Amino acid sequence: MTEVTILLDEQIVDRAERVANRRNANLNSLVRQYVERLAAQDEESRSAVSELERSIRELRRPMGGVDWTSREELHER
């Protein structure tokens, strides 16, 4: 494990420690849990984007067989 040092206002630390005590935990464990959830959210986001891209590739269907090269060409009548 890597040790991380952060600087926080003393009043914030006091309030956070009271919250940790009410949860039968310590401040270090709460911070660790928060950072782990934060990292998991990033991984979940990347996974969701990858799944969406995969679905788009798999479900792509031809739409009339015309490849438009420019916006103007698309809107010509």
PDB file of N, CA and C in Angstrom:
ATOM      1  N   MET A   1       0.836  -1.187   0.000  1.00  0.00           N
ATOM      2  CA  MET A   1       0.000   0.000   0.000  1.00  0.00           C
ATOM      3  C   MET A   1       0.875   1.242   0.000  1.00  0.00           C
ATOM      4  N   THR A   2       0.333   2.291  -0.567  1.00  0.00           N
ATOM      5  CA  THR A   2       1.021   3.573  -0.612  1.00  0.00           C
ATOM      6  C   THR A   2       0.443   4.480   0.464  1.00  0.00           C
ATOM      7  N   GLU A   3       1.304   5.177   1.141  1.00  0.00           N
ATOM      8  CA  GLU A   3       0.863   6.125   2.154  1.00  0.00           C
ATOM      9  C   GLU A   3       0.700   7.492   1.512  1.00  0.00           C
ATOM     10  N   VAL A   4      -0.405   8.175   1.849  1.00  0.00           N
ATOM     11  CA  VAL A   4      -0.706   9.488   1.299  1.00  0.00           C
ATOM     12  C   VAL A   4      -0.859  10.463   2.459  1.00  0.00           C
ATOM     13  N   THR A   5      -0.278  11.622   2.322  1.00  0.00           N
ATOM     14  CA  THR A   5      -0.410  12.667   3.335  1.00  0.00           C
ATOM     15  C   THR A   5      -1.234  13.797   2.758  1.00  0.00           C
ATOM     16  N   ILE A   6      -2.240  14.235   3.507  1.00  0.00           N
ATOM     17  CA  ILE A   6      -3.059  15.360   3.065  1.00  0.00           C
ATOM     18  C   ILE A   6      -3.098  16.405   4.174  1.00  0.00           C
ATOM     19  N   LEU A   7      -3.274  17.644   3.780  1.00  0.00           N
ATOM     20  CA  LEU A   7      -3.391  18.734   4.737  1.00  0.00           C
ATOM     21  C   LEU A   7      -4.844  19.185   4.767  1.00  0.00           C
ATOM     22  N   LEU A   8      -5.432  19.159   5.967  1.00  0.00           N
ATOM     23  CA  LEU A   8      -6.819  19.561   6.135  1.00  0.00           C
ATOM     24  C   LEU A   8      -6.930  20.517   7.314  1.00  0.00           C
ATOM     25  N   ASP A   9      -7.932  21.350   7.247  1.00  0.00           N
ATOM     26  CA  ASP A   9      -8.208  22.251   8.352  1.00  0.00           C
ATOM     27  C   ASP A   9      -8.543  21.422   9.596  1.00  0.00           C
ATOM     28  N   GLU A  10      -8.037  21.838  10.740  1.00  0.00           N
ATOM     29  CA  GLU A  10      -8.216  21.083  11.983  1.00  0.00           C
ATOM     30  C   GLU A  10      -9.692  20.897  12.335  1.00  0.00           C
ATOM     31  N   GLN A  11     -10.506  21.913  12.078  1.00  0.00           N
ATOM     32  CA  GLN A  11     -11.943  21.805  12.382  1.00  0.00           C
ATOM     33  C   GLN A  11     -12.607  20.738  11.518  1.00  0.00           C
ATOM     34  N   ILE A  12     -12.192  20.641  10.275  1.00  0.00           N
ATOM     35  CA  ILE A  12     -12.753  19.621   9.383  1.00  0.00           C
ATOM     36  C   ILE A  12     -12.360  18.232   9.876  1.00  0.00           C
ATOM     37  N   VAL A  13     -11.111  18.094  10.271  1.00  0.00           N
ATOM     38  CA  VAL A  13     -10.645  16.803  10.779  1.00  0.00           C
ATOM     39  C   VAL A  13     -11.424  16.421  12.035  1.00  0.00           C
ATOM     40  N   ASP A  14     -11.641  17.365  12.934  1.00  0.00           N
ATOM     41  CA  ASP A  14     -12.399  17.078  14.157  1.00  0.00           C
ATOM     42  C   ASP A  14     -13.815  16.608  13.835  1.00  0.00           C
ATOM     43  N   ARG A  15     -14.480  17.310  12.934  1.00  0.00           N
ATOM     44  CA  ARG A  15     -15.849  16.917  12.558  1.00  0.00           C
ATOM     45  C   ARG A  15     -15.853  15.557  11.875  1.00  0.00           C
ATOM     46  N   ALA A  16     -14.890  15.327  10.994  1.00  0.00           N
ATOM     47  CA  ALA A  16     -14.815  14.044  10.288  1.00  0.00           C
ATOM     48  C   ALA A  16     -14.534  12.899  11.255  1.00  0.00           C
ATOM     49  N   GLU A  17     -13.698  13.141  12.260  1.00  0.00           N
ATOM     50  CA  GLU A  17     -13.420  12.100  13.258  1.00  0.00           C
ATOM     51  C   GLU A  17     -14.669  11.771  14.071  1.00  0.00           C
ATOM     52  N   ARG A  18     -15.485  12.772  14.357  1.00  0.00           N
ATOM     53  CA  ARG A  18     -16.743  12.510  15.081  1.00  0.00           C
ATOM     54  C   ARG A  18     -17.669  11.643  14.226  1.00  0.00           C
ATOM     55  N   VAL A  19     -17.726  11.935  12.932  1.00  0.00           N
ATOM     56  CA  VAL A  19     -18.532  11.107  12.022  1.00  0.00           C
ATOM     57  C   VAL A  19     -17.999   9.676  12.012  1.00  0.00           C
ATOM     58  N   ALA A  20     -16.686   9.542  11.921  1.00  0.00           N
ATOM     59  CA  ALA A  20     -16.073   8.205  11.916  1.00  0.00           C
ATOM     60  C   ALA A  20     -16.396   7.462  13.209  1.00  0.00           C
ATOM     61  N   ASN A  21     -16.323   8.138  14.341  1.00  0.00           N
ATOM     62  CA  ASN A  21     -16.635   7.496  15.621  1.00  0.00           C
ATOM     63  C   ASN A  21     -18.072   7.014  15.668  1.00  0.00           C
ATOM     64  N   ARG A  22     -18.999   7.829  15.146  1.00  0.00           N
ATOM     65  CA  ARG A  22     -20.411   7.414  15.121  1.00  0.00           C
ATOM     66  C   ARG A  22     -20.607   6.183  14.242  1.00  0.00           C
ATOM     67  N   ARG A  23     -19.738   6.017  13.276  1.00  0.00           N
ATOM     68  CA  ARG A  23     -19.825   4.858  12.367  1.00  0.00           C
ATOM     69  C   ARG A  23     -18.940   3.694  12.824  1.00  0.00           C
ATOM     70  N   ASN A  24     -18.426   3.804  14.044  1.00  0.00           N
ATOM     71  CA  ASN A  24     -17.523   2.777  14.578  1.00  0.00           C
ATOM     72  C   ASN A  24     -16.350   2.513  13.641  1.00  0.00           C
ATOM     73  N   ALA A  25     -15.766   3.580  13.152  1.00  0.00           N
ATOM     74  CA  ALA A  25     -14.627   3.491  12.233  1.00  0.00           C
ATOM     75  C   ALA A  25     -13.617   4.554  12.637  1.00  0.00           C
ATOM     76  N   ASN A  26     -12.539   4.620  11.883  1.00  0.00           N
ATOM     77  CA  ASN A  26     -11.599   5.712  12.092  1.00  0.00           C
ATOM     78  C   ASN A  26     -11.514   6.519  10.806  1.00  0.00           C
ATOM     79  N   LEU A  27     -10.969   7.703  10.917  1.00  0.00           N
ATOM     80  CA  LEU A  27     -10.916   8.610   9.774  1.00  0.00           C
ATOM     81  C   LEU A  27     -10.135   8.000   8.619  1.00  0.00           C
ATOM     82  N   ASN A  28      -9.053   7.320   8.915  1.00  0.00           N
ATOM     83  CA  ASN A  28      -8.238   6.700   7.880  1.00  0.00           C
ATOM     84  C   ASN A  28      -9.061   5.705   7.048  1.00  0.00           C
ATOM     85  N   SER A  29      -9.864   4.878   7.711  1.00  0.00           N
ATOM     86  CA  SER A  29     -10.657   3.888   6.972  1.00  0.00           C
ATOM     87  C   SER A  29     -11.730   4.560   6.122  1.00  0.00           C
ATOM     88  N   LEU A  30     -12.333   5.645   6.650  1.00  0.00           N
ATOM     89  CA  LEU A  30     -13.346   6.349   5.853  1.00  0.00           C
ATOM     90  C   LEU A  30     -12.737   6.977   4.612  1.00  0.00           C
ATOM     91  N   VAL A  31     -11.568   7.583   4.757  1.00  0.00           N
ATOM     92  CA  VAL A  31     -10.890   8.187   3.608  1.00  0.00           C
ATOM     93  C   VAL A  31     -10.520   7.100   2.603  1.00  0.00           C
ATOM     94  N   ARG A  32     -10.006   5.973   3.082  1.00  0.00           N
ATOM     95  CA  ARG A  32      -9.640   4.869   2.192  1.00  0.00           C
ATOM     96  C   ARG A  32     -10.860   4.373   1.420  1.00  0.00           C
ATOM     97  N   GLN A  33     -11.993   4.198   2.117  1.00  0.00           N
ATOM     98  CA  GLN A  33     -13.216   3.744   1.449  1.00  0.00           C
ATOM     99  C   GLN A  33     -13.665   4.743   0.388  1.00  0.00           C
ATOM    100  N   TYR A  34     -13.576   6.018   0.713  1.00  0.00           N
ATOM    101  CA  TYR A  34     -13.983   7.050  -0.243  1.00  0.00           C
ATOM    102  C   TYR A  34     -13.120   6.996  -1.501  1.00  0.00           C
ATOM    103  N   VAL A  35     -11.810   6.898  -1.320  1.00  0.00           N
ATOM    104  CA  VAL A  35     -10.898   6.874  -2.472  1.00  0.00           C
ATOM    105  C   VAL A  35     -11.125   5.600  -3.287  1.00  0.00           C
ATOM    106  N   GLU A  36     -11.379   4.483  -2.624  1.00  0.00           N
ATOM    107  CA  GLU A  36     -11.661   3.237  -3.350  1.00  0.00           C
ATOM    108  C   GLU A  36     -12.937   3.364  -4.177  1.00  0.00           C
ATOM    109  N   ARG A  37     -13.981   3.978  -3.597  1.00  0.00           N
ATOM    110  CA  ARG A  37     -15.227   4.175  -4.365  1.00  0.00           C
ATOM    111  C   ARG A  37     -15.004   5.118  -5.537  1.00  0.00           C
ATOM    112  N   LEU A  38     -14.214   6.153  -5.308  1.00  0.00           N
ATOM    113  CA  LEU A  38     -13.894   7.107  -6.368  1.00  0.00           C
ATOM    114  C   LEU A  38     -13.193   6.403  -7.534  1.00  0.00           C
ATOM    115  N   ALA A  39     -12.221   5.573  -7.216  1.00  0.00           N
ATOM    116  CA  ALA A  39     -11.499   4.836  -8.262  1.00  0.00           C
ATOM    117  C   ALA A  39     -12.421   3.846  -8.967  1.00  0.00           C
ATOM    118  N   ALA A  40     -13.329   3.214  -8.220  1.00  0.00           N
ATOM    119  CA  ALA A  40     -14.260   2.254  -8.820  1.00  0.00           C
ATOM    120  C   ALA A  40     -15.214   2.951  -9.785  1.00  0.00           C
ATOM    121  N   GLN A  41     -15.641   4.173  -9.437  1.00  0.00           N
ATOM    122  CA  GLN A  41     -16.529   4.914 -10.326  1.00  0.00           C
ATOM    123  C   GLN A  41     -15.855   5.183 -11.663  1.00  0.00           C
ATOM    124  N   ASP A  42     -14.580   5.530 -11.621  1.00  0.00           N
ATOM    125  CA  ASP A  42     -13.841   5.780 -12.849  1.00  0.00           C
ATOM    126  C   ASP A  42     -13.804   4.519 -13.705  1.00  0.00           C
ATOM    127  N   GLU A  43     -13.525   3.389 -13.067  1.00  0.00           N
ATOM    128  CA  GLU A  43     -13.472   2.112 -13.785  1.00  0.00           C
ATOM    129  C   GLU A  43     -14.847   1.744 -14.340  1.00  0.00           C
ATOM    130  N   GLU A  44     -15.902   1.985 -13.555  1.00  0.00           N
ATOM    131  CA  GLU A  44     -17.260   1.694 -14.020  1.00  0.00           C
ATOM    132  C   GLU A  44     -17.616   2.560 -15.215  1.00  0.00           C
ATOM    133  N   SER A  45     -17.207   3.820 -15.186  1.00  0.00           N
ATOM    134  CA  SER A  45     -17.492   4.723 -16.308  1.00  0.00           C
ATOM    135  C   SER A  45     -16.806   4.237 -17.573  1.00  0.00           C
ATOM    136  N   ARG A  46     -15.523   3.878 -17.439  1.00  0.00           N
ATOM    137  CA  ARG A  46     -14.803   3.389 -18.617  1.00  0.00           C
ATOM    138  C   ARG A  46     -15.424   2.102 -19.129  1.00  0.00           C
ATOM    139  N   SER A  47     -15.846   1.241 -18.225  1.00  0.00           N
ATOM    140  CA  SER A  47     -16.469  -0.016 -18.612  1.00  0.00           C
ATOM    141  C   SER A  47     -17.793   0.244 -19.336  1.00  0.00           C
ATOM    142  N   ALA A  48     -18.580   1.189 -18.831  1.00  0.00           N
ATOM    143  CA  ALA A  48     -19.862   1.504 -19.458  1.00  0.00           C
ATOM    144  C   ALA A  48     -19.650   2.073 -20.857  1.00  0.00           C
ATOM    145  N   VAL A  49     -18.665   2.941 -21.021  1.00  0.00           N
ATOM    146  CA  VAL A  49     -18.369   3.511 -22.338  1.00  0.00           C
ATOM    147  C   VAL A  49     -17.929   2.409 -23.292  1.00  0.00           C
ATOM    148  N   SER A  50     -17.083   1.515 -22.827  1.00  0.00           N
ATOM    149  CA  SER A  50     -16.626   0.401 -23.667  1.00  0.00           C
ATOM    150  C   SER A  50     -17.794  -0.480 -24.089  1.00  0.00           C
ATOM    151  N   GLU A  51     -18.701  -0.749 -23.163  1.00  0.00           N
ATOM    152  CA  GLU A  51     -19.870  -1.568 -23.471  1.00  0.00           C
ATOM    153  C   GLU A  51     -20.768  -0.878 -24.486  1.00  0.00           C
ATOM    154  N   LEU A  52     -20.948   0.429 -24.353  1.00  0.00           N
ATOM    155  CA  LEU A  52     -21.752   1.180 -25.305  1.00  0.00           C
ATOM    156  C   LEU A  52     -21.122   1.155 -26.689  1.00  0.00           C
ATOM    157  N   GLU A  53     -19.808   1.367 -26.764  1.00  0.00           N
ATOM    158  CA  GLU A  53     -19.114   1.329 -28.052  1.00  0.00           C
ATOM    159  C   GLU A  53     -19.231  -0.055 -28.692  1.00  0.00           C
ATOM    160  N   ARG A  54     -19.100  -1.109 -27.890  1.00  0.00           N
ATOM    161  CA  ARG A  54     -19.226  -2.466 -28.402  1.00  0.00           C
ATOM    162  C   ARG A  54     -20.633  -2.698 -28.953  1.00  0.00           C
ATOM    163  N   SER A  55     -21.642  -2.259 -28.219  1.00  0.00           N
ATOM    164  CA  SER A  55     -23.027  -2.424 -28.663  1.00  0.00           C
ATOM    165  C   SER A  55     -23.275  -1.686 -29.975  1.00  0.00           C
ATOM    166  N   ILE A  56     -22.763  -0.475 -30.084  1.00  0.00           N
ATOM    167  CA  ILE A  56     -22.943   0.304 -31.311  1.00  0.00           C
ATOM    168  C   ILE A  56     -22.318  -0.430 -32.488  1.00  0.00           C
ATOM    169  N   ARG A  57     -21.099  -0.950 -32.308  1.00  0.00           N
ATOM    170  CA  ARG A  57     -20.441  -1.690 -33.391  1.00  0.00           C
ATOM    171  C   ARG A  57     -21.253  -2.916 -33.790  1.00  0.00           C
ATOM    172  N   GLU A  58     -21.738  -3.655 -32.804  1.00  0.00           N
ATOM    173  CA  GLU A  58     -22.465  -4.891 -33.091  1.00  0.00           C
ATOM    174  C   GLU A  58     -23.836  -4.632 -33.708  1.00  0.00           C
ATOM    175  N   LEU A  59     -24.484  -3.558 -33.308  1.00  0.00           N
ATOM    176  CA  LEU A  59     -25.851  -3.304 -33.762  1.00  0.00           C
ATOM    177  C   LEU A  59     -25.932  -2.380 -34.969  1.00  0.00           C
ATOM    178  N   ARG A  60     -24.799  -1.915 -35.461  1.00  0.00           N
ATOM    179  CA  ARG A  60     -24.772  -1.006 -36.611  1.00  0.00           C
ATOM    180  C   ARG A  60     -25.396  -1.696 -37.826  1.00  0.00           C
ATOM    181  N   ARG A  61     -26.246  -0.974 -38.522  1.00  0.00           N
ATOM    182  CA  ARG A  61     -26.900  -1.504 -39.713  1.00  0.00           C
ATOM    183  C   ARG A  61     -26.752  -0.505 -40.847  1.00  0.00           C
ATOM    184  N   PRO A  62     -26.719  -0.979 -42.094  1.00  0.00           N
ATOM    185  CA  PRO A  62     -26.654  -0.063 -43.241  1.00  0.00           C
ATOM    186  C   PRO A  62     -27.903   0.822 -43.284  1.00  0.00           C
ATOM    187  N   MET A  63     -27.721   2.064 -43.652  1.00  0.00           N
ATOM    188  CA  MET A  63     -28.833   3.014 -43.689  1.00  0.00           C
ATOM    189  C   MET A  63     -28.946   3.619 -45.084  1.00  0.00           C
ATOM    190  N   GLY A  64     -29.262   2.812 -46.057  1.00  0.00           N
ATOM    191  CA  GLY A  64     -29.501   3.318 -47.397  1.00  0.00           C
ATOM    192  C   GLY A  64     -28.299   3.228 -48.321  1.00  0.00           C
ATOM    193  N   GLY A  65     -27.160   2.847 -47.819  1.00  0.00           N
ATOM    194  CA  GLY A  65     -26.002   2.615 -48.648  1.00  0.00           C
ATOM    195  C   GLY A  65     -25.294   3.852 -49.159  1.00  0.00           C
ATOM    196  N   VAL A  66     -25.640   5.053 -48.690  1.00  0.00           N
ATOM    197  CA  VAL A  66     -24.994   6.269 -49.163  1.00  0.00           C
ATOM    198  C   VAL A  66     -24.077   6.796 -48.067  1.00  0.00           C
ATOM    199  N   ASP A  67     -22.816   7.033 -48.422  1.00  0.00           N
ATOM    200  CA  ASP A  67     -21.885   7.647 -47.490  1.00  0.00           C
ATOM    201  C   ASP A  67     -21.794   9.131 -47.804  1.00  0.00           C
ATOM    202  N   TRP A  68     -22.280   9.960 -46.925  1.00  0.00           N
ATOM    203  CA  TRP A  68     -22.230  11.393 -47.128  1.00  0.00           C
ATOM    204  C   TRP A  68     -20.849  11.883 -46.733  1.00  0.00           C
ATOM    205  N   THR A  69     -20.259  12.707 -47.595  1.00  0.00           N
ATOM    206  CA  THR A  69     -18.913  13.187 -47.314  1.00  0.00           C
ATOM    207  C   THR A  69     -18.912  14.576 -46.687  1.00  0.00           C
ATOM    208  N   SER A  70     -19.999  15.323 -46.831  1.00  0.00           N
ATOM    209  CA  SER A  70     -20.038  16.662 -46.243  1.00  0.00           C
ATOM    210  C   SER A  70     -21.462  16.993 -45.829  1.00  0.00           C
ATOM    211  N   ARG A  71     -21.574  17.967 -44.973  1.00  0.00           N
ATOM    212  CA  ARG A  71     -22.890  18.411 -44.508  1.00  0.00           C
ATOM    213  C   ARG A  71     -23.694  18.984 -45.673  1.00  0.00           C
ATOM    214  N   GLU A  72     -23.022  19.739 -46.529  1.00  0.00           N
ATOM    215  CA  GLU A  72     -23.703  20.350 -47.676  1.00  0.00           C
ATOM    216  C   GLU A  72     -24.266  19.265 -48.601  1.00  0.00           C
ATOM    217  N   GLU A  73     -23.480  18.228 -48.827  1.00  0.00           N
ATOM    218  CA  GLU A  73     -23.928  17.127 -49.685  1.00  0.00           C
ATOM    219  C   GLU A  73     -25.137  16.430 -49.069  1.00  0.00           C
ATOM    220  N   LEU A  74     -25.148  16.286 -47.759  1.00  0.00           N
ATOM    221  CA  LEU A  74     -26.253  15.642 -47.068  1.00  0.00           C
ATOM    222  C   LEU A  74     -27.541  16.439 -47.256  1.00  0.00           C
ATOM    223  N   HIS A  75     -27.437  17.777 -47.274  1.00  0.00           N
ATOM    224  CA  HIS A  75     -28.637  18.610 -47.321  1.00  0.00           C
ATOM    225  C   HIS A  75     -29.003  19.063 -48.730  1.00  0.00           C
ATOM    226  N   GLU A  76     -28.273  18.614 -49.747  1.00  0.00           N
ATOM    227  CA  GLU A  76     -28.650  18.949 -51.131  1.00  0.00           C
ATOM    228  C   GLU A  76     -29.963  18.284 -51.458  1.00  0.00           C
ATOM    229  N   ARG A  77     -30.785  18.981 -52.211  1.00  0.00           N
ATOM    230  CA  ARG A  77     -32.088  18.392 -52.587  1.00  0.00           C
ATOM    231  C   ARG A  77     -32.212  18.356 -54.074  1.00  0.00           C
TER     232      ARG A  77
END
